[in-house]
Amino acid sequence: MSARVLQMIGQKDDKGNYLLMHAMRPNLAGVIGTAAAAGMFIAMFS
């Protein structure tokens, strides 16, 4: 969701801004990190 907000703010200032793919990288990294942490917790408590 934050990537879409960044895209809207960027296009408000300059209609030629396409920031969505650049903004998705941190979101994807967060999802991967969360999945890795969840896997570690499941392994520790199982």
PDB file of N, CA and C in Angstrom:
ATOM      1  N   MET A   1       0.820  -1.189   0.000  1.00  0.00           N
ATOM      2  CA  MET A   1       0.000   0.000   0.000  1.00  0.00           C
ATOM      3  C   MET A   1       0.864   1.253   0.000  1.00  0.00           C
ATOM      4  N   SER A   2       1.959   1.251   0.716  1.00  0.00           N
ATOM      5  CA  SER A   2       2.801   2.445   0.770  1.00  0.00           C
ATOM      6  C   SER A   2       3.406   2.758  -0.591  1.00  0.00           C
ATOM      7  N   ALA A   3       3.647   1.740  -1.413  1.00  0.00           N
ATOM      8  CA  ALA A   3       4.188   1.980  -2.752  1.00  0.00           C
ATOM      9  C   ALA A   3       3.183   2.738  -3.613  1.00  0.00           C
ATOM     10  N   ARG A   4       1.912   2.413  -3.478  1.00  0.00           N
ATOM     11  CA  ARG A   4       0.893   3.132  -4.252  1.00  0.00           C
ATOM     12  C   ARG A   4       0.768   4.574  -3.792  1.00  0.00           C
ATOM     13  N   VAL A   5       0.881   4.807  -2.487  1.00  0.00           N
ATOM     14  CA  VAL A   5       0.828   6.172  -1.964  1.00  0.00           C
ATOM     15  C   VAL A   5       2.002   6.976  -2.494  1.00  0.00           C
ATOM     16  N   LEU A   6       3.193   6.387  -2.479  1.00  0.00           N
ATOM     17  CA  LEU A   6       4.368   7.063  -3.016  1.00  0.00           C
ATOM     18  C   LEU A   6       4.183   7.382  -4.496  1.00  0.00           C
ATOM     19  N   GLN A   7       3.604   6.471  -5.250  1.00  0.00           N
ATOM     20  CA  GLN A   7       3.356   6.703  -6.675  1.00  0.00           C
ATOM     21  C   GLN A   7       2.410   7.881  -6.870  1.00  0.00           C
ATOM     22  N   MET A   8       1.347   7.945  -6.078  1.00  0.00           N
ATOM     23  CA  MET A   8       0.397   9.047  -6.223  1.00  0.00           C
ATOM     24  C   MET A   8       1.035  10.383  -5.871  1.00  0.00           C
ATOM     25  N   ILE A   9       1.829  10.424  -4.805  1.00  0.00           N
ATOM     26  CA  ILE A   9       2.490  11.664  -4.407  1.00  0.00           C
ATOM     27  C   ILE A   9       3.499  12.091  -5.465  1.00  0.00           C
ATOM     28  N   GLY A  10       4.257  11.151  -5.992  1.00  0.00           N
ATOM     29  CA  GLY A  10       5.234  11.466  -7.028  1.00  0.00           C
ATOM     30  C   GLY A  10       4.591  11.987  -8.295  1.00  0.00           C
ATOM     31  N   GLN A  11       3.459  11.409  -8.695  1.00  0.00           N
ATOM     32  CA  GLN A  11       2.787  11.874  -9.907  1.00  0.00           C
ATOM     33  C   GLN A  11       2.061  13.189  -9.696  1.00  0.00           C
ATOM     34  N   LYS A  12       1.743  13.508  -8.444  1.00  0.00           N
ATOM     35  CA  LYS A  12       1.128  14.799  -8.176  1.00  0.00           C
ATOM     36  C   LYS A  12       2.114  15.927  -8.481  1.00  0.00           C
ATOM     37  N   ASP A  13       3.391  15.705  -8.150  1.00  0.00           N
ATOM     38  CA  ASP A  13       4.419  16.712  -8.411  1.00  0.00           C
ATOM     39  C   ASP A  13       4.853  16.732  -9.868  1.00  0.00           C
ATOM     40  N   ASP A  14       4.968  15.563 -10.486  1.00  0.00           N
ATOM     41  CA  ASP A  14       5.437  15.462 -11.873  1.00  0.00           C
ATOM     42  C   ASP A  14       4.720  14.288 -12.523  1.00  0.00           C
ATOM     43  N   LYS A  15       3.918  14.570 -13.538  1.00  0.00           N
ATOM     44  CA  LYS A  15       3.107  13.526 -14.185  1.00  0.00           C
ATOM     45  C   LYS A  15       3.948  12.441 -14.844  1.00  0.00           C
ATOM     46  N   GLY A  16       5.228  12.684 -15.085  1.00  0.00           N
ATOM     47  CA  GLY A  16       6.092  11.705 -15.733  1.00  0.00           C
ATOM     48  C   GLY A  16       6.781  10.757 -14.769  1.00  0.00           C
ATOM     49  N   ASN A  17       6.524  10.899 -13.471  1.00  0.00           N
ATOM     50  CA  ASN A  17       7.159  10.025 -12.481  1.00  0.00           C
ATOM     51  C   ASN A  17       6.511   8.645 -12.490  1.00  0.00           C
ATOM     52  N   TYR A  18       7.336   7.623 -12.563  1.00  0.00           N
ATOM     53  CA  TYR A  18       6.872   6.238 -12.442  1.00  0.00           C
ATOM     54  C   TYR A  18       7.718   5.581 -11.363  1.00  0.00           C
ATOM     55  N   LEU A  19       7.254   5.652 -10.134  1.00  0.00           N
ATOM     56  CA  LEU A  19       8.032   5.215  -8.979  1.00  0.00           C
ATOM     57  C   LEU A  19       7.569   3.879  -8.417  1.00  0.00           C
ATOM     58  N   LEU A  20       6.528   3.309  -8.983  1.00  0.00           N
ATOM     59  CA  LEU A  20       5.907   2.137  -8.370  1.00  0.00           C
ATOM     60  C   LEU A  20       6.865   0.957  -8.249  1.00  0.00           C
ATOM     61  N   MET A  21       7.595   0.632  -9.303  1.00  0.00           N
ATOM     62  CA  MET A  21       8.503  -0.518  -9.245  1.00  0.00           C
ATOM     63  C   MET A  21       9.656  -0.273  -8.269  1.00  0.00           C
ATOM     64  N   HIS A  22      10.145   0.952  -8.205  1.00  0.00           N
ATOM     65  CA  HIS A  22      11.213   1.263  -7.256  1.00  0.00           C
ATOM     66  C   HIS A  22      10.692   1.182  -5.819  1.00  0.00           C
ATOM     67  N   ALA A  23       9.451   1.567  -5.613  1.00  0.00           N
ATOM     68  CA  ALA A  23       8.872   1.541  -4.276  1.00  0.00           C
ATOM     69  C   ALA A  23       8.487   0.127  -3.847  1.00  0.00           C
ATOM     70  N   MET A  24       8.305  -0.788  -4.797  1.00  0.00           N
ATOM     71  CA  MET A  24       7.923  -2.155  -4.451  1.00  0.00           C
ATOM     72  C   MET A  24       9.086  -2.964  -3.893  1.00  0.00           C
ATOM     73  N   ARG A  25      10.318  -2.572  -4.200  1.00  0.00           N
ATOM     74  CA  ARG A  25      11.473  -3.350  -3.731  1.00  0.00           C
ATOM     75  C   ARG A  25      11.531  -3.461  -2.212  1.00  0.00           C
ATOM     76  N   PRO A  26      11.417  -2.365  -1.440  1.00  0.00           N
ATOM     77  CA  PRO A  26      11.433  -2.519   0.016  1.00  0.00           C
ATOM     78  C   PRO A  26      10.255  -3.334   0.533  1.00  0.00           C
ATOM     79  N   ASN A  27       9.084  -3.202  -0.117  1.00  0.00           N
ATOM     80  CA  ASN A  27       7.930  -3.991   0.303  1.00  0.00           C
ATOM     81  C   ASN A  27       8.192  -5.481   0.116  1.00  0.00           C
ATOM     82  N   LEU A  28       8.765  -5.846  -1.019  1.00  0.00           N
ATOM     83  CA  LEU A  28       9.071  -7.247  -1.294  1.00  0.00           C
ATOM     84  C   LEU A  28      10.116  -7.775  -0.318  1.00  0.00           C
ATOM     85  N   ALA A  29      11.119  -6.964  -0.020  1.00  0.00           N
ATOM     86  CA  ALA A  29      12.144  -7.380   0.939  1.00  0.00           C
ATOM     87  C   ALA A  29      11.528  -7.613   2.317  1.00  0.00           C
ATOM     88  N   GLY A  30      10.570  -6.794   2.694  1.00  0.00           N
ATOM     89  CA  GLY A  30       9.887  -6.978   3.974  1.00  0.00           C
ATOM     90  C   GLY A  30       9.085  -8.262   4.018  1.00  0.00           C
ATOM     91  N   VAL A  31       8.432  -8.598   2.926  1.00  0.00           N
ATOM     92  CA  VAL A  31       7.652  -9.840   2.861  1.00  0.00           C
ATOM     93  C   VAL A  31       8.577 -11.046   2.971  1.00  0.00           C
ATOM     94  N   ILE A  32       9.699 -11.015   2.261  1.00  0.00           N
ATOM     95  CA  ILE A  32      10.651 -12.128   2.313  1.00  0.00           C
ATOM     96  C   ILE A  32      11.240 -12.262   3.711  1.00  0.00           C
ATOM     97  N   GLY A  33      11.592 -11.136   4.330  1.00  0.00           N
ATOM     98  CA  GLY A  33      12.136 -11.169   5.689  1.00  0.00           C
ATOM     99  C   GLY A  33      11.133 -11.695   6.700  1.00  0.00           C
ATOM    100  N   THR A  34       9.884 -11.303   6.557  1.00  0.00           N
ATOM    101  CA  THR A  34       8.840 -11.780   7.459  1.00  0.00           C
ATOM    102  C   THR A  34       8.629 -13.279   7.302  1.00  0.00           C
ATOM    103  N   ALA A  35       8.649 -13.772   6.075  1.00  0.00           N
ATOM    104  CA  ALA A  35       8.486 -15.208   5.840  1.00  0.00           C
ATOM    105  C   ALA A  35       9.653 -15.988   6.431  1.00  0.00           C
ATOM    106  N   ALA A  36      10.864 -15.461   6.308  1.00  0.00           N
ATOM    107  CA  ALA A  36      12.031 -16.137   6.881  1.00  0.00           C
ATOM    108  C   ALA A  36      11.946 -16.161   8.402  1.00  0.00           C
ATOM    109  N   ALA A  37      11.546 -15.050   9.007  1.00  0.00           N
ATOM    110  CA  ALA A  37      11.417 -14.998  10.465  1.00  0.00           C
ATOM    111  C   ALA A  37      10.322 -15.945  10.950  1.00  0.00           C
ATOM    112  N   ALA A  38       9.211 -16.009  10.227  1.00  0.00           N
ATOM    113  CA  ALA A  38       8.129 -16.917  10.606  1.00  0.00           C
ATOM    114  C   ALA A  38       8.590 -18.366  10.518  1.00  0.00           C
ATOM    115  N   GLY A  39       9.354 -18.690   9.484  1.00  0.00           N
ATOM    116  CA  GLY A  39       9.887 -20.047   9.360  1.00  0.00           C
ATOM    117  C   GLY A  39      10.814 -20.404  10.502  1.00  0.00           C
ATOM    118  N   MET A  40      11.623 -19.445  10.938  1.00  0.00           N
ATOM    119  CA  MET A  40      12.525 -19.698  12.069  1.00  0.00           C
ATOM    120  C   MET A  40      11.739 -19.923  13.355  1.00  0.00           C
ATOM    121  N   PHE A  41      10.697 -19.109  13.584  1.00  0.00           N
ATOM    122  CA  PHE A  41       9.885 -19.283  14.790  1.00  0.00           C
ATOM    123  C   PHE A  41       9.156 -20.624  14.776  1.00  0.00           C
ATOM    124  N   ILE A  42       8.640 -21.014  13.631  1.00  0.00           N
ATOM    125  CA  ILE A  42       7.952 -22.305  13.534  1.00  0.00           C
ATOM    126  C   ILE A  42       8.929 -23.439  13.813  1.00  0.00           C
ATOM    127  N   ALA A  43      10.144 -23.333  13.292  1.00  0.00           N
ATOM    128  CA  ALA A  43      11.146 -24.374  13.524  1.00  0.00           C
ATOM    129  C   ALA A  43      11.561 -24.425  14.991  1.00  0.00           C
ATOM    130  N   MET A  44      11.663 -23.275  15.643  1.00  0.00           N
ATOM    131  CA  MET A  44      12.090 -23.252  17.050  1.00  0.00           C
ATOM    132  C   MET A  44      11.020 -23.804  17.978  1.00  0.00           C
ATOM    133  N   PHE A  45       9.748 -23.516  17.700  1.00  0.00           N
ATOM    134  CA  PHE A  45       8.684 -23.880  18.629  1.00  0.00           C
ATOM    135  C   PHE A  45       7.955 -25.161  18.260  1.00  0.00           C
ATOM    136  N   SER A  46       8.402 -25.846  17.236  1.00  0.00           N
ATOM    137  CA  SER A  46       7.744 -27.103  16.855  1.00  0.00           C
ATOM    138  C   SER A  46       8.482 -28.283  17.437  1.00  0.00           C
TER     139      SER A  46
END
